[in-house]
């Protein structure tokens, strides 16, 4: 496969210093070596992995280990040789820490939590976040834990509803915790909440009787100012992470955007793409001139659970959980479509896709075309959870709680 470095360089171009635009927040050096949180180090499903196998006929993906963790949709976070996730069995959530290479359970911690299967299998949604030798987990009912990552000792725990006064989202808390400096930022309340990551003490919270959203908080840079983008139930806000003060705000209450905004927002050259179903709407928003305004809106890529990615300067994502679509961000027009859906990881020259039925796909993707290079079935059942990639290994799960670790490193 020829290298097409421009695919990822465009995907990362939102980090360039656009003086008046919204860009992904910068991360500490070396943070991208692992996959320490939801959708990777930058929360955009972009990987910088090198040395991956591209010839799956001669060197097919090799299953290294499997595990069962219980029902849920929590993805896998990988850091310092450990892989973390959650699942639910018999009314109990369990946090697992596996040896990332062998699958051996290093530690686990269980607590009472309802399965809460509202129109889905149930179980936890949020993915563990690993930072500074600690791992942070959140249940759909609001059980928030800080563990010692290496050994599993509970450092502190909180009930998010009790601590912040937040109502629960329609499907429960789903946004994965974000560590930013000394803060742990949550999609809680109408405009987020922040706790001291070392003590669990509430630093700031947003008040009101509006439920939070289901997407994960995302750090951004707005001009010279750092902010955190939070997609709540009825609005999009960018807040000052230190104080919670709202820097940008836009109500999002149109048809289909009112209740079930689950997929993460996507940053596209200083603009924000949002997709939602139950009304079938996607929209591109501008943050120019100190406000948030709509650039375009249509029904061309409406995703219930799959978060879109930026590839070759185009928006790629799952439409109605049935097909993979690509949009031109300038116009919102559809450029191509394939009749399957899944979660994507953007690589240097290709993409990895975990399909909704458990196939792992290697593909070349541009704004004009999709070319499948290889496919391997690694799981069965519903696979709505975004995979993780670290150390030449891809970690995948299904709703039933089957975990598979697959070696795709070059032989």
Protein backbone atom coordinates (compact mmCIF):
# COMPACT_ATOMS: atom_id res chain seq x y z
CA UNK A 1 0.00 0.00 0.00
CA UNK A 2 1.46 3.29 -0.99
CA UNK A 3 1.83 5.86 1.74
CA UNK A 4 -0.61 8.70 1.63
CA UNK A 5 0.60 10.83 4.49
CA UNK A 6 -1.69 13.67 3.53
CA UNK A 7 -4.68 11.69 4.82
CA UNK A 8 -3.58 12.00 8.42
CA UNK A 9 -1.83 15.33 8.01
CA UNK A 10 -5.15 16.81 6.95
CA UNK A 11 -6.89 15.02 9.80
CA UNK A 12 -4.48 16.66 12.22
CA UNK A 13 -4.55 20.04 10.53
CA UNK A 14 -7.12 21.30 13.01
CA UNK A 15 -4.19 21.62 15.42
CA UNK A 16 -2.58 24.29 13.28
CA UNK A 17 -2.57 27.76 14.76
CA UNK A 18 -5.73 29.22 13.30
CA UNK A 19 -5.78 32.52 15.08
CA UNK A 20 -9.54 33.05 15.13
CA UNK A 21 -10.72 29.46 14.84
CA UNK A 22 -11.53 26.51 17.01
CA UNK A 23 -8.86 23.81 17.14
CA UNK A 24 -8.17 20.66 19.08
CA UNK A 25 -6.33 21.32 22.34
CA UNK A 26 -2.64 20.38 22.45
CA UNK A 27 -1.57 17.36 24.48
CA UNK A 28 1.63 16.73 26.46
CA UNK A 29 4.62 15.26 24.55
CA UNK A 30 4.48 11.48 24.41
CA UNK A 31 0.77 11.35 25.29
CA UNK A 32 -0.03 9.72 21.96
CA UNK A 33 2.18 6.65 22.49
CA UNK A 34 -0.69 4.86 24.29
CA UNK A 35 -4.47 5.07 23.95
CA UNK A 36 -5.16 6.46 27.43
CA UNK A 37 -8.78 7.51 27.02
CA UNK A 38 -11.89 7.53 24.85
CA UNK A 39 -10.94 7.59 21.13
CA UNK A 40 -7.24 8.06 21.84
CA UNK A 41 -4.97 10.73 23.23
CA UNK A 42 -6.70 13.57 21.34
CA UNK A 43 -10.24 12.16 21.52
CA UNK A 44 -10.59 12.24 17.75
CA UNK A 45 -9.78 8.59 16.85
CA UNK A 46 -6.55 9.67 15.15
CA UNK A 47 -3.51 7.43 15.67
CA UNK A 48 0.17 8.03 15.01
CA UNK A 49 1.04 4.32 15.12
CA UNK A 50 3.90 3.13 12.92
CA UNK A 51 4.93 -0.34 11.77
CA UNK A 52 1.44 -1.77 11.25
CA UNK A 53 0.87 -4.68 8.89
CA UNK A 54 -0.78 -3.70 5.61
CA UNK A 55 -0.63 -7.14 3.96
CA UNK A 56 -3.31 -9.14 5.76
CA UNK A 57 -3.16 -11.98 3.25
CA UNK A 58 0.44 -12.84 4.09
CA UNK A 59 0.28 -11.63 7.69
CA UNK A 60 -3.34 -11.75 8.87
CA UNK A 61 -4.34 -10.14 12.16
CA UNK A 62 -3.56 -12.49 15.05
CA UNK A 63 -5.83 -12.78 18.09
CA UNK A 64 -3.60 -12.49 21.16
CA UNK A 65 -6.25 -12.83 23.86
CA UNK A 66 -9.95 -12.71 24.61
CA UNK A 67 -11.90 -11.85 27.76
CA UNK A 68 -15.48 -11.38 28.94
CA UNK A 69 -16.27 -8.36 31.08
CA UNK A 70 -20.07 -8.14 31.09
CA UNK A 71 -22.64 -6.09 29.20
CA UNK A 72 -21.81 -2.55 28.21
CA UNK A 73 -20.35 -0.14 25.67
CA UNK A 74 -17.30 1.19 27.50
CA UNK A 75 -14.25 1.18 25.23
CA UNK A 76 -10.70 0.24 26.24
CA UNK A 77 -8.06 2.66 27.52
CA UNK A 78 -4.44 1.49 27.22
CA UNK A 79 -1.56 3.02 29.17
CA UNK A 80 1.67 1.83 30.81
CA UNK A 81 1.14 -1.79 29.80
CA UNK A 82 -2.42 -2.05 31.15
CA UNK A 83 -5.79 -2.11 29.37
CA UNK A 84 -8.84 -0.81 31.26
CA UNK A 85 -12.57 -1.18 30.64
CA UNK A 86 -15.94 -1.75 32.39
CA UNK A 87 -18.86 -4.16 32.12
CA UNK A 88 -22.01 -5.13 34.01
CA UNK A 89 -23.13 -8.52 35.30
CA UNK A 90 -26.08 -9.27 37.60
CA UNK A 91 -26.56 -5.64 38.61
CA UNK A 92 -22.90 -4.93 39.29
CA UNK A 93 -20.43 -2.87 37.30
CA UNK A 94 -16.85 -4.15 37.30
CA UNK A 95 -13.77 -2.11 36.40
CA UNK A 96 -11.07 -4.34 34.85
CA UNK A 97 -7.34 -3.79 34.47
CA UNK A 98 -5.78 -6.32 32.08
CA UNK A 99 -2.18 -6.88 31.13
CA UNK A 100 -2.34 -5.21 27.71
CA UNK A 101 -0.16 -7.87 26.03
CA UNK A 102 -1.49 -11.08 27.61
CA UNK A 103 -5.01 -10.35 28.86
CA UNK A 104 -4.20 -11.46 32.39
CA UNK A 105 -6.41 -9.66 34.93
CA UNK A 106 -4.16 -7.46 37.06
CA UNK A 107 -6.97 -6.11 39.23
CA UNK A 108 -10.71 -5.47 39.21
CA UNK A 109 -13.23 -3.55 41.28
CA UNK A 110 -16.99 -4.16 41.42
CA UNK A 111 -19.91 -2.14 42.81
CA UNK A 112 -23.71 -2.19 42.62
CA UNK A 113 -25.13 -0.52 39.51
CA UNK A 114 -28.30 -1.23 37.55
CA UNK A 115 -27.97 -2.58 34.02
CA UNK A 116 -30.56 0.02 32.85
CA UNK A 117 -31.24 -1.47 29.39
CA UNK A 118 -33.28 1.38 27.88
CA UNK A 119 -33.70 0.47 24.17
CA UNK A 120 -30.28 -1.19 24.26
CA UNK A 121 -28.46 -3.96 26.10
CA UNK A 122 -27.53 -1.68 29.01
CA UNK A 123 -24.35 -1.45 31.04
CA UNK A 124 -21.70 1.30 31.28
CA UNK A 125 -21.01 3.69 28.41
CA UNK A 126 -18.10 5.85 29.56
CA UNK A 127 -14.52 4.75 28.87
CA UNK A 128 -11.83 4.89 31.59
CA UNK A 129 -9.41 7.82 31.46
CA UNK A 130 -5.79 7.23 32.50
CA UNK A 131 -3.51 10.08 33.55
CA UNK A 132 -0.65 10.52 36.01
CA UNK A 133 -0.71 6.95 37.25
CA UNK A 134 -4.43 7.08 38.01
CA UNK A 135 -7.52 5.81 36.21
CA UNK A 136 -10.91 7.53 36.34
CA UNK A 137 -14.17 5.69 35.63
CA UNK A 138 -17.82 6.75 35.47
CA UNK A 139 -20.96 4.59 35.56
CA UNK A 140 -24.18 5.47 33.78
CA UNK A 141 -25.79 6.18 37.17
CA UNK A 142 -22.98 8.52 38.21
CA UNK A 143 -20.55 6.38 40.24
CA UNK A 144 -17.27 8.21 39.75
CA UNK A 145 -14.00 6.55 40.87
CA UNK A 146 -10.34 7.47 40.96
CA UNK A 147 -8.11 4.38 41.19
CA UNK A 148 -4.41 3.84 41.49
CA UNK A 149 -3.80 2.56 37.96
CA UNK A 150 -1.12 0.00 38.79
CA UNK A 151 -2.80 -1.71 41.72
CA UNK A 152 -6.46 -0.71 41.76
CA UNK A 153 -6.56 1.04 45.14
CA UNK A 154 -9.52 3.42 45.38
CA UNK A 155 -8.12 6.91 45.95
CA UNK A 156 -11.52 8.62 46.02
CA UNK A 157 -15.08 8.13 44.82
CA UNK A 158 -18.09 10.36 44.29
CA UNK A 159 -21.75 10.22 43.35
CA UNK A 160 -21.90 12.72 40.48
CA UNK A 161 -25.59 13.48 41.01
CA UNK A 162 -25.06 14.16 44.70
CA UNK A 163 -21.82 16.10 44.22
CA UNK A 164 -22.83 18.33 41.31
CA UNK A 165 -26.63 18.37 41.42
CA UNK A 166 -26.73 17.18 37.82
CA UNK A 167 -29.69 15.32 36.44
CA UNK A 168 -28.90 12.08 34.61
CA UNK A 169 -28.93 12.08 30.82
CA UNK A 170 -31.72 10.14 29.11
CA UNK A 171 -29.55 7.04 28.79
CA UNK A 172 -27.48 7.78 31.88
CA UNK A 173 -24.02 9.35 32.07
CA UNK A 174 -22.08 8.42 28.93
CA UNK A 175 -19.40 11.07 28.39
CA UNK A 176 -15.93 9.84 29.30
CA UNK A 177 -14.09 11.93 31.95
CA UNK A 178 -11.54 14.44 30.64
CA UNK A 179 -8.36 15.23 32.58
CA UNK A 180 -7.16 18.76 31.94
CA UNK A 181 -4.43 20.07 34.23
CA UNK A 182 -5.56 19.50 37.80
CA UNK A 183 -9.19 19.07 36.75
CA UNK A 184 -11.43 16.15 35.90
CA UNK A 185 -14.14 17.53 33.60
CA UNK A 186 -17.48 15.80 33.10
CA UNK A 187 -20.50 16.19 30.84
CA UNK A 188 -22.76 16.83 33.83
CA UNK A 189 -25.37 19.49 34.28
CA UNK A 190 -26.39 21.81 31.43
CA UNK A 191 -22.81 23.06 30.85
CA UNK A 192 -20.42 20.58 32.48
CA UNK A 193 -18.75 20.19 35.86
CA UNK A 194 -15.16 19.92 37.10
CA UNK A 195 -13.62 18.14 40.07
CA UNK A 196 -10.13 18.25 41.48
CA UNK A 197 -8.60 15.12 39.97
CA UNK A 198 -6.51 14.41 43.09
CA UNK A 199 -9.21 14.81 45.73
CA UNK A 200 -12.59 14.62 43.98
CA UNK A 201 -13.59 18.02 45.38
CA UNK A 202 -15.99 19.95 43.13
CA UNK A 203 -14.19 22.96 41.62
CA UNK A 204 -17.10 24.25 39.55
CA UNK A 205 -20.46 23.05 38.32
CA UNK A 206 -23.25 24.28 36.08
CA UNK A 207 -26.68 24.84 37.57
CA UNK A 208 -30.09 24.20 36.10
CA UNK A 209 -32.71 21.52 35.53
CA UNK A 210 -31.54 20.70 31.99
CA UNK A 211 -30.18 17.19 31.55
CA UNK A 212 -26.59 16.71 30.33
CA UNK A 213 -25.79 15.18 26.96
CA UNK A 214 -24.14 11.88 26.15
CA UNK A 215 -21.03 13.03 24.24
CA UNK A 216 -17.59 13.32 25.85
CA UNK A 217 -15.99 16.70 26.73
CA UNK A 218 -13.29 17.79 24.29
CA UNK A 219 -10.47 20.30 24.84
CA UNK A 220 -10.18 23.04 22.23
CA UNK A 221 -8.21 26.21 21.63
CA UNK A 222 -10.17 29.31 20.72
CA UNK A 223 -7.67 31.86 19.50
CA UNK A 224 -5.20 32.08 22.38
CA UNK A 225 -7.69 30.77 24.94
CA UNK A 226 -8.11 27.16 26.01
CA UNK A 227 -11.66 25.90 26.31
CA UNK A 228 -13.62 22.68 26.69
CA UNK A 229 -16.40 21.84 24.26
CA UNK A 230 -19.41 20.20 25.89
CA UNK A 231 -22.48 18.98 24.01
CA UNK A 232 -25.34 19.03 26.51
CA UNK A 233 -28.94 17.96 25.91
CA UNK A 234 -30.19 21.26 24.53
CA UNK A 235 -27.07 23.29 23.82
CA UNK A 236 -23.47 23.33 22.73
CA UNK A 237 -21.14 25.24 25.02
CA UNK A 238 -17.43 26.02 25.16
CA UNK A 239 -16.38 26.73 28.72
CA UNK A 240 -13.30 28.04 30.46
CA UNK A 241 -11.95 24.83 32.06
CA UNK A 242 -10.61 26.69 35.10
CA UNK A 243 -13.89 28.34 36.08
CA UNK A 244 -16.71 26.84 34.01
CA UNK A 245 -17.51 30.28 32.58
CA UNK A 246 -19.23 29.94 29.21
CA UNK A 247 -17.12 31.32 26.35
CA UNK A 248 -19.37 30.27 23.46
CA UNK A 249 -22.91 28.96 23.49
CA UNK A 250 -25.61 27.92 21.07
CA UNK A 251 -28.99 26.31 21.76
CA UNK A 252 -29.50 23.16 19.69
CA UNK A 253 -33.14 22.27 19.96
CA UNK A 254 -34.27 21.63 16.41
CA UNK A 255 -35.94 18.41 15.32
CA UNK A 256 -33.69 15.46 16.03
CA UNK A 257 -31.14 17.53 17.93
CA UNK A 258 -33.24 17.96 21.08
CA UNK A 259 -32.79 14.75 23.03
CA UNK A 260 -30.34 12.17 21.72
CA UNK A 261 -27.08 13.85 20.80
CA UNK A 262 -24.79 10.87 21.49
CA UNK A 263 -21.99 11.05 18.90
CA UNK A 264 -19.07 13.35 19.74
CA UNK A 265 -18.78 16.70 17.93
CA UNK A 266 -16.13 16.78 15.21
CA UNK A 267 -13.79 19.73 14.70
CA UNK A 268 -13.39 20.56 11.01
CA UNK A 269 -10.94 23.35 10.18
CA UNK A 270 -12.17 25.62 12.94
CA UNK A 271 -15.81 24.59 12.69
CA UNK A 272 -17.94 22.09 14.62
CA UNK A 273 -19.87 19.23 13.03
CA UNK A 274 -22.74 17.71 15.02
CA UNK A 275 -24.83 14.69 14.08
CA UNK A 276 -27.91 13.15 15.70
CA UNK A 277 -30.80 10.84 14.88
CA UNK A 278 -34.47 10.75 15.99
CA UNK A 279 -35.04 13.58 13.55
CA UNK A 280 -32.18 12.91 11.16
CA UNK A 281 -30.15 16.11 11.25
CA UNK A 282 -26.49 17.01 10.91
CA UNK A 283 -25.10 20.52 11.00
CA UNK A 284 -21.83 22.43 10.65
CA UNK A 285 -21.35 25.36 13.01
CA UNK A 286 -18.96 28.30 12.84
CA UNK A 287 -17.36 30.01 15.86
CA UNK A 288 -16.26 33.15 14.02
CA UNK A 289 -16.87 36.64 15.43
CA UNK A 290 -17.30 35.43 19.00
CA UNK A 291 -20.52 33.51 18.37
CA UNK A 292 -21.70 30.12 17.17
CA UNK A 293 -23.68 30.21 13.92
CA UNK A 294 -24.97 27.60 11.50
CA UNK A 295 -23.11 27.14 8.20
CA UNK A 296 -25.32 24.37 6.81
CA UNK A 297 -27.78 21.71 7.94
CA UNK A 298 -29.10 18.58 6.20
CA UNK A 299 -29.83 14.88 6.70
CA UNK A 300 -26.86 13.40 4.83
CA UNK A 301 -24.98 11.91 7.82
CA UNK A 302 -27.09 11.28 10.89
CA UNK A 303 -25.47 9.02 13.46
CA UNK A 304 -27.02 7.67 16.62
CA UNK A 305 -23.94 6.28 18.37
CA UNK A 306 -20.91 6.36 16.03
CA UNK A 307 -18.70 9.44 16.30
CA UNK A 308 -17.47 10.81 12.94
CA UNK A 309 -13.82 11.38 11.97
CA UNK A 310 -11.92 13.75 9.70
CA UNK A 311 -10.15 12.04 6.77
CA UNK A 312 -8.58 13.83 3.82
CA UNK A 313 -10.35 17.00 4.95
CA UNK A 314 -13.75 15.29 4.72
CA UNK A 315 -16.29 14.13 7.29
CA UNK A 316 -16.62 10.33 7.44
CA UNK A 317 -19.08 8.52 9.67
CA UNK A 318 -21.91 6.03 10.03
CA UNK A 319 -25.34 7.04 8.76
CA UNK A 320 -28.28 5.57 10.70
CA UNK A 321 -25.94 2.76 11.83
CA UNK A 322 -26.45 1.23 8.38
CA UNK A 323 -23.93 2.79 6.00
CA UNK A 324 -20.58 4.55 5.92
CA UNK A 325 -20.78 8.00 4.35
CA UNK A 326 -18.42 10.81 3.39
CA UNK A 327 -19.40 14.49 3.28
CA UNK A 328 -17.74 17.53 1.77
CA UNK A 329 -17.56 19.89 4.78
CA UNK A 330 -17.77 22.97 2.56
CA UNK A 331 -21.24 22.08 1.32
CA UNK A 332 -22.49 19.11 3.34
CA UNK A 333 -22.97 17.14 0.13
CA UNK A 334 -22.52 13.37 0.05
CA UNK A 335 -19.42 12.27 -1.91
CA UNK A 336 -19.60 8.47 -1.43
CA UNK A 337 -21.36 5.73 0.54
CA UNK A 338 -20.74 2.07 1.48
CA UNK A 339 -23.40 -0.30 2.78
CA UNK A 340 -21.98 -1.06 6.20
CA UNK A 341 -21.40 0.94 9.37
CA UNK A 342 -18.75 1.05 12.06
CA UNK A 343 -16.22 3.01 14.12
CA UNK A 344 -13.06 4.38 12.48
CA UNK A 345 -9.48 4.96 13.59
CA UNK A 346 -7.55 7.26 11.25
CA UNK A 347 -4.01 6.04 10.54
CA UNK A 348 -1.08 7.40 8.55
CA UNK A 349 -2.19 6.40 5.05
CA UNK A 350 -5.26 4.29 5.85
CA UNK A 351 -8.13 3.71 8.25
CA UNK A 352 -9.09 0.88 10.57
CA UNK A 353 -12.81 0.20 10.90
CA UNK A 354 -14.61 -2.01 13.41
CA UNK A 355 -17.91 -2.77 11.72
CA UNK A 356 -21.20 -3.06 13.58
CA UNK A 357 -21.07 -6.86 13.19
CA UNK A 358 -17.50 -7.33 14.40
CA UNK A 359 -15.31 -7.26 11.29
CA UNK A 360 -11.98 -5.42 11.40
CA UNK A 361 -11.40 -3.61 8.11
CA UNK A 362 -8.32 -1.92 6.65
CA UNK A 363 -9.21 0.67 4.03
CA UNK A 364 -7.85 3.60 2.06
CA UNK A 365 -10.21 6.55 2.33
CA UNK A 366 -10.21 9.91 0.59
CA UNK A 367 -12.87 12.51 0.03
CA UNK A 368 -13.55 10.96 -3.37
CA UNK A 369 -13.35 7.22 -2.83
CA UNK A 370 -13.32 4.25 -0.47
CA UNK A 371 -11.02 1.31 -1.20
CA UNK A 372 -11.14 -1.75 1.03
CA UNK A 373 -7.77 -3.44 1.43
CA UNK A 374 -8.52 -6.27 3.85
CA UNK A 375 -11.14 -7.61 6.27
CA UNK A 376 -11.04 -10.04 9.19
CA UNK A 377 -13.90 -11.16 11.44
CA UNK A 378 -12.77 -10.70 15.06
CA UNK A 379 -16.05 -10.56 17.01
CA UNK A 380 -19.72 -11.49 16.79
CA UNK A 381 -22.74 -9.55 17.95
CA UNK A 382 -23.40 -5.81 18.13
CA UNK A 383 -20.21 -3.71 18.00
CA UNK A 384 -21.11 -0.08 18.63
CA UNK A 385 -18.01 0.69 20.71
CA UNK A 386 -15.03 2.52 19.23
CA UNK A 387 -11.88 0.33 19.24
CA UNK A 388 -8.50 1.27 20.74
CA UNK A 389 -5.04 1.01 19.15
CA UNK A 390 -1.75 0.84 21.05
CA UNK A 391 1.55 -1.01 20.63
CA UNK A 392 0.54 -2.58 17.31
CA UNK A 393 -2.52 -4.11 18.98
CA UNK A 394 -6.16 -3.20 18.39
CA UNK A 395 -8.66 -3.76 21.19
CA UNK A 396 -12.32 -4.33 20.31
CA UNK A 397 -15.50 -5.19 22.23
CA UNK A 398 -19.14 -5.97 21.63
CA UNK A 399 -22.25 -5.08 23.62
CA UNK A 400 -22.28 -8.48 25.34
CA UNK A 401 -18.86 -7.73 26.82
CA UNK A 402 -16.58 -9.89 24.69
CA UNK A 403 -13.13 -8.29 24.42
CA UNK A 404 -10.58 -9.24 21.77
CA UNK A 405 -6.98 -8.05 21.45
CA UNK A 406 -5.65 -8.40 17.90
CA UNK A 407 -2.02 -8.01 16.80
CA UNK A 408 -1.76 -5.98 13.59
CA UNK A 409 1.91 -5.11 13.93
CA UNK A 410 4.24 -5.65 10.98
CA UNK A 411 5.85 -9.09 11.02
